[in-house]
């Protein structure tokens, strides 16, 4: 684990469970990916716990017969423009 990963992980506290919602799961040969949301109740940088949703993409590679996570990207999803539109 890199120092950057340790630092990023140290910013979050109190997440007892993470709810995973996979929207896309696909593979081709020795590569696969998932796209979806992770929802948890977590504290960030010592602050109070609150609900957090992350939009996540995971890239996997089959190495020596085992699937390994080779890339992860997570960010806060953009606001849903449908919630602010006039009807």
PDB file of N, CA and C in Angstrom:
ATOM      1  N   UNK A   1       0.841  -1.171   0.000  1.00  0.00           N
ATOM      2  CA  UNK A   1       0.000   0.000   0.000  1.00  0.00           C
ATOM      3  C   UNK A   1       0.889   1.237   0.000  1.00  0.00           C
ATOM      4  N   UNK A   2       0.522   2.207  -0.806  1.00  0.00           N
ATOM      5  CA  UNK A   2       1.322   3.427  -0.905  1.00  0.00           C
ATOM      6  C   UNK A   2       0.975   4.389   0.225  1.00  0.00           C
ATOM      7  N   UNK A   3       1.869   5.353   0.441  1.00  0.00           N
ATOM      8  CA  UNK A   3       1.607   6.384   1.454  1.00  0.00           C
ATOM      9  C   UNK A   3       0.339   7.162   1.117  1.00  0.00           C
ATOM     10  N   UNK A   4       0.111   7.427  -0.169  1.00  0.00           N
ATOM     11  CA  UNK A   4      -1.088   8.170  -0.572  1.00  0.00           C
ATOM     12  C   UNK A   4      -2.347   7.390  -0.213  1.00  0.00           C
ATOM     13  N   UNK A   5      -2.332   6.080  -0.408  1.00  0.00           N
ATOM     14  CA  UNK A   5      -3.505   5.266  -0.068  1.00  0.00           C
ATOM     15  C   UNK A   5      -3.725   5.232   1.435  1.00  0.00           C
ATOM     16  N   UNK A   6      -2.646   5.139   2.203  1.00  0.00           N
ATOM     17  CA  UNK A   6      -2.774   5.158   3.667  1.00  0.00           C
ATOM     18  C   UNK A   6      -3.370   6.485   4.129  1.00  0.00           C
ATOM     19  N   UNK A   7      -2.879   7.595   3.555  1.00  0.00           N
ATOM     20  CA  UNK A   7      -3.394   8.908   3.915  1.00  0.00           C
ATOM     21  C   UNK A   7      -4.878   9.015   3.578  1.00  0.00           C
ATOM     22  N   UNK A   8      -5.264   8.621   2.372  1.00  0.00           N
ATOM     23  CA  UNK A   8      -6.671   8.706   1.969  1.00  0.00           C
ATOM     24  C   UNK A   8      -7.544   7.868   2.889  1.00  0.00           C
ATOM     25  N   UNK A   9      -7.130   6.648   3.194  1.00  0.00           N
ATOM     26  CA  UNK A   9      -7.893   5.775   4.073  1.00  0.00           C
ATOM     27  C   UNK A   9      -8.008   6.309   5.484  1.00  0.00           C
ATOM     28  N   UNK A  10      -6.981   7.022   5.951  1.00  0.00           N
ATOM     29  CA  UNK A  10      -6.989   7.533   7.324  1.00  0.00           C
ATOM     30  C   UNK A  10      -7.979   8.679   7.510  1.00  0.00           C
ATOM     31  N   UNK A  11      -8.469   9.280   6.450  1.00  0.00           N
ATOM     32  CA  UNK A  11      -9.396  10.407   6.532  1.00  0.00           C
ATOM     33  C   UNK A  11     -10.803   9.981   6.908  1.00  0.00           C
ATOM     34  N   UNK A  12     -11.135   8.687   6.760  1.00  0.00           N
ATOM     35  CA  UNK A  12     -12.494   8.199   6.966  1.00  0.00           C
ATOM     36  C   UNK A  12     -12.562   7.347   8.226  1.00  0.00           C
ATOM     37  N   UNK A  13     -13.592   7.588   9.061  1.00  0.00           N
ATOM     38  CA  UNK A  13     -13.763   6.814  10.286  1.00  0.00           C
ATOM     39  C   UNK A  13     -15.222   6.422  10.451  1.00  0.00           C
ATOM     40  N   UNK A  14     -15.439   5.320  11.144  1.00  0.00           N
ATOM     41  CA  UNK A  14     -16.763   4.948  11.584  1.00  0.00           C
ATOM     42  C   UNK A  14     -17.663   4.263  10.587  1.00  0.00           C
ATOM     43  N   UNK A  15     -17.175   3.920   9.416  1.00  0.00           N
ATOM     44  CA  UNK A  15     -18.034   3.236   8.435  1.00  0.00           C
ATOM     45  C   UNK A  15     -18.138   1.765   8.831  1.00  0.00           C
ATOM     46  N   UNK A  16     -19.270   1.408   9.436  1.00  0.00           N
ATOM     47  CA  UNK A  16     -19.451   0.023   9.870  1.00  0.00           C
ATOM     48  C   UNK A  16     -19.755  -0.904   8.706  1.00  0.00           C
ATOM     49  N   UNK A  17     -20.491  -0.403   7.734  1.00  0.00           N
ATOM     50  CA  UNK A  17     -20.884  -1.224   6.583  1.00  0.00           C
ATOM     51  C   UNK A  17     -21.002  -0.329   5.362  1.00  0.00           C
ATOM     52  N   UNK A  18     -20.759  -0.915   4.217  1.00  0.00           N
ATOM     53  CA  UNK A  18     -20.893  -0.199   2.952  1.00  0.00           C
ATOM     54  C   UNK A  18     -21.921  -0.939   2.110  1.00  0.00           C
ATOM     55  N   UNK A  19     -22.923  -0.209   1.634  1.00  0.00           N
ATOM     56  CA  UNK A  19     -23.932  -0.776   0.744  1.00  0.00           C
ATOM     57  C   UNK A  19     -23.455  -0.576  -0.690  1.00  0.00           C
ATOM     58  N   UNK A  20     -23.314  -1.665  -1.437  1.00  0.00           N
ATOM     59  CA  UNK A  20     -22.832  -1.613  -2.809  1.00  0.00           C
ATOM     60  C   UNK A  20     -23.994  -1.725  -3.777  1.00  0.00           C
ATOM     61  N   UNK A  21     -24.050  -0.832  -4.745  1.00  0.00           N
ATOM     62  CA  UNK A  21     -25.029  -0.912  -5.826  1.00  0.00           C
ATOM     63  C   UNK A  21     -24.246  -0.938  -7.130  1.00  0.00           C
ATOM     64  N   UNK A  22     -24.174  -2.093  -7.756  1.00  0.00           N
ATOM     65  CA  UNK A  22     -23.459  -2.238  -9.021  1.00  0.00           C
ATOM     66  C   UNK A  22     -24.433  -2.010 -10.164  1.00  0.00           C
ATOM     67  N   UNK A  23     -24.151  -1.025 -10.993  1.00  0.00           N
ATOM     68  CA  UNK A  23     -24.998  -0.717 -12.138  1.00  0.00           C
ATOM     69  C   UNK A  23     -24.530  -1.438 -13.394  1.00  0.00           C
ATOM     70  N   UNK A  24     -23.220  -1.632 -13.502  1.00  0.00           N
ATOM     71  CA  UNK A  24     -22.630  -2.292 -14.665  1.00  0.00           C
ATOM     72  C   UNK A  24     -21.568  -3.260 -14.180  1.00  0.00           C
ATOM     73  N   UNK A  25     -21.597  -4.468 -14.707  1.00  0.00           N
ATOM     74  CA  UNK A  25     -20.544  -5.457 -14.480  1.00  0.00           C
ATOM     75  C   UNK A  25     -20.252  -6.056 -15.843  1.00  0.00           C
ATOM     76  N   UNK A  26     -19.006  -5.951 -16.288  1.00  0.00           N
ATOM     77  CA  UNK A  26     -18.666  -6.460 -17.617  1.00  0.00           C
ATOM     78  C   UNK A  26     -17.253  -7.019 -17.605  1.00  0.00           C
ATOM     79  N   UNK A  27     -17.001  -7.954 -18.509  1.00  0.00           N
ATOM     80  CA  UNK A  27     -15.655  -8.511 -18.640  1.00  0.00           C
ATOM     81  C   UNK A  27     -15.393  -8.879 -20.088  1.00  0.00           C
ATOM     82  N   UNK A  28     -14.125  -8.927 -20.413  1.00  0.00           N
ATOM     83  CA  UNK A  28     -13.671  -9.357 -21.729  1.00  0.00           C
ATOM     84  C   UNK A  28     -12.266  -9.918 -21.548  1.00  0.00           C
ATOM     85  N   UNK A  29     -12.120 -11.212 -21.783  1.00  0.00           N
ATOM     86  CA  UNK A  29     -10.806 -11.829 -21.602  1.00  0.00           C
ATOM     87  C   UNK A  29     -10.365 -11.749 -20.160  1.00  0.00           C
ATOM     88  N   UNK A  30      -9.185 -11.183 -19.939  1.00  0.00           N
ATOM     89  CA  UNK A  30      -8.645 -11.102 -18.577  1.00  0.00           C
ATOM     90  C   UNK A  30      -8.881  -9.751 -17.917  1.00  0.00           C
ATOM     91  N   UNK A  31      -9.767  -8.924 -18.487  1.00  0.00           N
ATOM     92  CA  UNK A  31     -10.110  -7.635 -17.895  1.00  0.00           C
ATOM     93  C   UNK A  31     -11.593  -7.595 -17.561  1.00  0.00           C
ATOM     94  N   UNK A  32     -11.926  -6.893 -16.474  1.00  0.00           N
ATOM     95  CA  UNK A  32     -13.320  -6.722 -16.078  1.00  0.00           C
ATOM     96  C   UNK A  32     -13.454  -5.369 -15.388  1.00  0.00           C
ATOM     97  N   UNK A  33     -14.692  -4.863 -15.349  1.00  0.00           N
ATOM     98  CA  UNK A  33     -14.920  -3.625 -14.617  1.00  0.00           C
ATOM     99  C   UNK A  33     -16.312  -3.620 -14.007  1.00  0.00           C
ATOM    100  N   UNK A  34     -16.454  -2.824 -12.952  1.00  0.00           N
ATOM    101  CA  UNK A  34     -17.746  -2.568 -12.339  1.00  0.00           C
ATOM    102  C   UNK A  34     -17.899  -1.061 -12.194  1.00  0.00           C
ATOM    103  N   UNK A  35     -19.136  -0.603 -12.310  1.00  0.00           N
ATOM    104  CA  UNK A  35     -19.467   0.804 -12.120  1.00  0.00           C
ATOM    105  C   UNK A  35     -20.708   0.844 -11.242  1.00  0.00           C
ATOM    106  N   UNK A  36     -20.704   1.711 -10.255  1.00  0.00           N
ATOM    107  CA  UNK A  36     -21.876   1.793  -9.391  1.00  0.00           C
ATOM    108  C   UNK A  36     -21.700   2.808  -8.284  1.00  0.00           C
ATOM    109  N   UNK A  37     -22.398   2.539  -7.173  1.00  0.00           N
ATOM    110  CA  UNK A  37     -22.376   3.441  -6.022  1.00  0.00           C
ATOM    111  C   UNK A  37     -22.027   2.671  -4.755  1.00  0.00           C
ATOM    112  N   UNK A  38     -21.314   3.340  -3.864  1.00  0.00           N
ATOM    113  CA  UNK A  38     -21.060   2.837  -2.507  1.00  0.00           C
ATOM    114  C   UNK A  38     -21.699   3.829  -1.549  1.00  0.00           C
ATOM    115  N   UNK A  39     -22.534   3.311  -0.656  1.00  0.00           N
ATOM    116  CA  UNK A  39     -23.196   4.169   0.323  1.00  0.00           C
ATOM    117  C   UNK A  39     -22.789   3.727   1.726  1.00  0.00           C
ATOM    118  N   UNK A  40     -22.479   4.720   2.583  1.00  0.00           N
ATOM    119  CA  UNK A  40     -22.084   4.411   3.953  1.00  0.00           C
ATOM    120  C   UNK A  40     -22.427   5.591   4.857  1.00  0.00           C
ATOM    121  N   UNK A  41     -22.251   5.388   6.131  1.00  0.00           N
ATOM    122  CA  UNK A  41     -22.423   6.416   7.165  1.00  0.00           C
ATOM    123  C   UNK A  41     -21.044   6.575   7.782  1.00  0.00           C
ATOM    124  N   UNK A  42     -20.383   7.693   7.507  1.00  0.00           N
ATOM    125  CA  UNK A  42     -18.950   7.805   7.800  1.00  0.00           C
ATOM    126  C   UNK A  42     -18.590   9.218   8.248  1.00  0.00           C
ATOM    127  N   UNK A  43     -17.525   9.301   9.054  1.00  0.00           N
ATOM    128  CA  UNK A  43     -16.948  10.589   9.417  1.00  0.00           C
ATOM    129  C   UNK A  43     -15.753  10.869   8.523  1.00  0.00           C
ATOM    130  N   UNK A  44     -15.551  12.147   8.171  1.00  0.00           N
ATOM    131  CA  UNK A  44     -14.428  12.535   7.318  1.00  0.00           C
ATOM    132  C   UNK A  44     -13.606  13.591   8.043  1.00  0.00           C
ATOM    133  N   UNK A  45     -12.302  13.372   8.100  1.00  0.00           N
ATOM    134  CA  UNK A  45     -11.359  14.315   8.717  1.00  0.00           C
ATOM    135  C   UNK A  45     -11.767  14.695  10.134  1.00  0.00           C
ATOM    136  N   UNK A  46     -12.241  13.706  10.900  1.00  0.00           N
ATOM    137  CA  UNK A  46     -12.581  13.930  12.299  1.00  0.00           C
ATOM    138  C   UNK A  46     -13.946  14.556  12.535  1.00  0.00           C
ATOM    139  N   UNK A  47     -14.691  14.811  11.478  1.00  0.00           N
ATOM    140  CA  UNK A  47     -16.013  15.421  11.604  1.00  0.00           C
ATOM    141  C   UNK A  47     -17.067  14.405  12.009  1.00  0.00           C
ATOM    142  N   UNK A  48     -18.288  14.874  12.202  1.00  0.00           N
ATOM    143  CA  UNK A  48     -19.378  13.963  12.575  1.00  0.00           C
ATOM    144  C   UNK A  48     -19.716  13.015  11.431  1.00  0.00           C
ATOM    145  N   UNK A  49     -20.259  11.872  11.797  1.00  0.00           N
ATOM    146  CA  UNK A  49     -20.666  10.902  10.777  1.00  0.00           C
ATOM    147  C   UNK A  49     -21.881  11.418  10.024  1.00  0.00           C
ATOM    148  N   UNK A  50     -21.903  11.136   8.736  1.00  0.00           N
ATOM    149  CA  UNK A  50     -23.040  11.505   7.893  1.00  0.00           C
ATOM    150  C   UNK A  50     -23.139  10.499   6.749  1.00  0.00           C
ATOM    151  N   UNK A  51     -24.281  10.486   6.080  1.00  0.00           N
ATOM    152  CA  UNK A  51     -24.452   9.603   4.937  1.00  0.00           C
ATOM    153  C   UNK A  51     -23.592  10.094   3.777  1.00  0.00           C
ATOM    154  N   UNK A  52     -22.900   9.163   3.126  1.00  0.00           N
ATOM    155  CA  UNK A  52     -22.055   9.514   1.994  1.00  0.00           C
ATOM    156  C   UNK A  52     -22.295   8.518   0.870  1.00  0.00           C
ATOM    157  N   UNK A  53     -22.448   9.035  -0.328  1.00  0.00           N
ATOM    158  CA  UNK A  53     -22.554   8.201  -1.513  1.00  0.00           C
ATOM    159  C   UNK A  53     -21.382   8.524  -2.420  1.00  0.00           C
ATOM    160  N   UNK A  54     -20.673   7.487  -2.853  1.00  0.00           N
ATOM    161  CA  UNK A  54     -19.576   7.638  -3.802  1.00  0.00           C
ATOM    162  C   UNK A  54     -19.927   6.919  -5.096  1.00  0.00           C
ATOM    163  N   UNK A  55     -19.614   7.534  -6.210  1.00  0.00           N
ATOM    164  CA  UNK A  55     -19.717   6.897  -7.524  1.00  0.00           C
ATOM    165  C   UNK A  55     -18.372   6.215  -7.746  1.00  0.00           C
ATOM    166  N   UNK A  56     -18.384   4.909  -8.023  1.00  0.00           N
ATOM    167  CA  UNK A  56     -17.123   4.166  -8.080  1.00  0.00           C
ATOM    168  C   UNK A  56     -16.986   3.358  -9.371  1.00  0.00           C
ATOM    169  N   UNK A  57     -15.756   3.259  -9.815  1.00  0.00           N
ATOM    170  CA  UNK A  57     -15.381   2.396 -10.932  1.00  0.00           C
ATOM    171  C   UNK A  57     -14.208   1.544 -10.470  1.00  0.00           C
ATOM    172  N   UNK A  58     -14.319   0.236 -10.659  1.00  0.00           N
ATOM    173  CA  UNK A  58     -13.238  -0.687 -10.338  1.00  0.00           C
ATOM    174  C   UNK A  58     -12.827  -1.410 -11.612  1.00  0.00           C
ATOM    175  N   UNK A  59     -11.520  -1.532 -11.820  1.00  0.00           N
ATOM    176  CA  UNK A  59     -10.976  -2.280 -12.955  1.00  0.00           C
ATOM    177  C   UNK A  59     -10.234  -3.481 -12.376  1.00  0.00           C
ATOM    178  N   UNK A  60     -10.506  -4.662 -12.931  1.00  0.00           N
ATOM    179  CA  UNK A  60      -9.899  -5.909 -12.459  1.00  0.00           C
ATOM    180  C   UNK A  60      -9.124  -6.563 -13.603  1.00  0.00           C
ATOM    181  N   UNK A  61      -8.099  -7.319 -13.242  1.00  0.00           N
ATOM    182  CA  UNK A  61      -7.358  -8.132 -14.206  1.00  0.00           C
ATOM    183  C   UNK A  61      -7.203  -9.522 -13.614  1.00  0.00           C
ATOM    184  N   UNK A  62      -7.383 -10.527 -14.445  1.00  0.00           N
ATOM    185  CA  UNK A  62      -7.173 -11.908 -14.014  1.00  0.00           C
ATOM    186  C   UNK A  62      -5.683 -12.212 -14.128  1.00  0.00           C
ATOM    187  N   UNK A  63      -5.058 -12.433 -12.979  1.00  0.00           N
ATOM    188  CA  UNK A  63      -3.609 -12.696 -12.917  1.00  0.00           C
ATOM    189  C   UNK A  63      -3.412 -14.056 -12.266  1.00  0.00           C
ATOM    190  N   UNK A  64      -2.775 -14.953 -12.975  1.00  0.00           N
ATOM    191  CA  UNK A  64      -2.531 -16.313 -12.471  1.00  0.00           C
ATOM    192  C   UNK A  64      -3.822 -16.970 -11.971  1.00  0.00           C
ATOM    193  N   UNK A  65      -4.906 -16.754 -12.713  1.00  0.00           N
ATOM    194  CA  UNK A  65      -6.176 -17.399 -12.389  1.00  0.00           C
ATOM    195  C   UNK A  65      -6.995 -16.721 -11.310  1.00  0.00           C
ATOM    196  N   UNK A  66      -6.549 -15.574 -10.774  1.00  0.00           N
ATOM    197  CA  UNK A  66      -7.285 -14.858  -9.732  1.00  0.00           C
ATOM    198  C   UNK A  66      -7.565 -13.433 -10.176  1.00  0.00           C
ATOM    199  N   UNK A  67      -8.786 -12.959  -9.919  1.00  0.00           N
ATOM    200  CA  UNK A  67      -9.137 -11.583 -10.251  1.00  0.00           C
ATOM    201  C   UNK A  67      -8.558 -10.639  -9.205  1.00  0.00           C
ATOM    202  N   UNK A  68      -7.821  -9.645  -9.663  1.00  0.00           N
ATOM    203  CA  UNK A  68      -7.174  -8.656  -8.789  1.00  0.00           C
ATOM    204  C   UNK A  68      -7.665  -7.261  -9.160  1.00  0.00           C
ATOM    205  N   UNK A  69      -7.924  -6.458  -8.152  1.00  0.00           N
ATOM    206  CA  UNK A  69      -8.278  -5.062  -8.369  1.00  0.00           C
ATOM    207  C   UNK A  69      -7.008  -4.327  -8.789  1.00  0.00           C
ATOM    208  N   UNK A  70      -7.030  -3.693  -9.964  1.00  0.00           N
ATOM    209  CA  UNK A  70      -5.840  -2.984 -10.442  1.00  0.00           C
ATOM    210  C   UNK A  70      -6.046  -1.478 -10.510  1.00  0.00           C
ATOM    211  N   UNK A  71      -7.316  -1.028 -10.405  1.00  0.00           N
ATOM    212  CA  UNK A  71      -7.574   0.410 -10.411  1.00  0.00           C
ATOM    213  C   UNK A  71      -8.925   0.675  -9.747  1.00  0.00           C
ATOM    214  N   UNK A  72      -8.974   1.749  -8.975  1.00  0.00           N
ATOM    215  CA  UNK A  72     -10.225   2.187  -8.345  1.00  0.00           C
ATOM    216  C   UNK A  72     -10.315   3.690  -8.514  1.00  0.00           C
ATOM    217  N   UNK A  73     -11.475   4.153  -8.908  1.00  0.00           N
ATOM    218  CA  UNK A  73     -11.739   5.589  -8.922  1.00  0.00           C
ATOM    219  C   UNK A  73     -13.064   5.811  -8.211  1.00  0.00           C
ATOM    220  N   UNK A  74     -13.086   6.790  -7.327  1.00  0.00           N
ATOM    221  CA  UNK A  74     -14.312   7.131  -6.611  1.00  0.00           C
ATOM    222  C   UNK A  74     -14.405   8.645  -6.500  1.00  0.00           C
ATOM    223  N   UNK A  75     -15.620   9.150  -6.655  1.00  0.00           N
ATOM    224  CA  UNK A  75     -15.849  10.571  -6.447  1.00  0.00           C
ATOM    225  C   UNK A  75     -17.293  10.775  -6.016  1.00  0.00           C
ATOM    226  N   UNK A  76     -17.592  12.002  -5.630  1.00  0.00           N
ATOM    227  CA  UNK A  76     -18.969  12.330  -5.270  1.00  0.00           C
ATOM    228  C   UNK A  76     -19.759  12.477  -6.562  1.00  0.00           C
ATOM    229  N   UNK A  77     -20.917  11.852  -6.658  1.00  0.00           N
ATOM    230  CA  UNK A  77     -21.696  11.968  -7.894  1.00  0.00           C
ATOM    231  C   UNK A  77     -22.211  13.389  -8.077  1.00  0.00           C
ATOM    232  N   UNK A  78     -22.367  13.810  -9.326  1.00  0.00           N
ATOM    233  CA  UNK A  78     -22.930  15.152  -9.558  1.00  0.00           C
ATOM    234  C   UNK A  78     -24.395  15.196  -9.138  1.00  0.00           C
ATOM    235  N   UNK A  79     -24.892  16.389  -8.919  1.00  0.00           N
ATOM    236  CA  UNK A  79     -26.294  16.551  -8.562  1.00  0.00           C
ATOM    237  C   UNK A  79     -27.164  16.051  -9.719  1.00  0.00           C
ATOM    238  N   UNK A  80     -28.297  15.484  -9.380  1.00  0.00           N
ATOM    239  CA  UNK A  80     -29.245  15.000 -10.380  1.00  0.00           C
ATOM    240  C   UNK A  80     -30.028  16.199 -10.924  1.00  0.00           C
ATOM    241  N   UNK A  81     -29.831  16.561 -12.188  1.00  0.00           N
ATOM    242  CA  UNK A  81     -30.513  17.761 -12.716  1.00  0.00           C
ATOM    243  C   UNK A  81     -32.031  17.584 -12.786  1.00  0.00           C
ATOM    244  N   UNK A  82     -32.507  16.360 -12.768  1.00  0.00           N
ATOM    245  CA  UNK A  82     -33.958  16.118 -12.822  1.00  0.00           C
ATOM    246  C   UNK A  82     -34.644  16.599 -11.547  1.00  0.00           C
ATOM    247  N   UNK A  83     -33.926  16.669 -10.440  1.00  0.00           N
ATOM    248  CA  UNK A  83     -34.520  17.106  -9.177  1.00  0.00           C
ATOM    249  C   UNK A  83     -34.755  18.601  -9.129  1.00  0.00           C
ATOM    250  N   UNK A  84     -34.088  19.354  -9.990  1.00  0.00           N
ATOM    251  CA  UNK A  84     -34.230  20.824  -9.994  1.00  0.00           C
ATOM    252  C   UNK A  84     -35.006  21.340 -11.189  1.00  0.00           C
ATOM    253  N   UNK A  85     -35.464  20.469 -12.063  1.00  0.00           N
ATOM    254  CA  UNK A  85     -36.142  20.938 -13.272  1.00  0.00           C
ATOM    255  C   UNK A  85     -37.608  21.248 -12.983  1.00  0.00           C
ATOM    256  N   UNK A  86     -38.107  22.267 -13.653  1.00  0.00           N
ATOM    257  CA  UNK A  86     -39.529  22.626 -13.528  1.00  0.00           C
ATOM    258  C   UNK A  86     -40.356  21.676 -14.365  1.00  0.00           C
ATOM    259  N   UNK A  87     -41.511  21.298 -13.865  1.00  0.00           N
ATOM    260  CA  UNK A  87     -42.375  20.370 -14.607  1.00  0.00           C
ATOM    261  C   UNK A  87     -43.647  21.052 -15.014  1.00  0.00           C
TER     262      UNK A  87
END
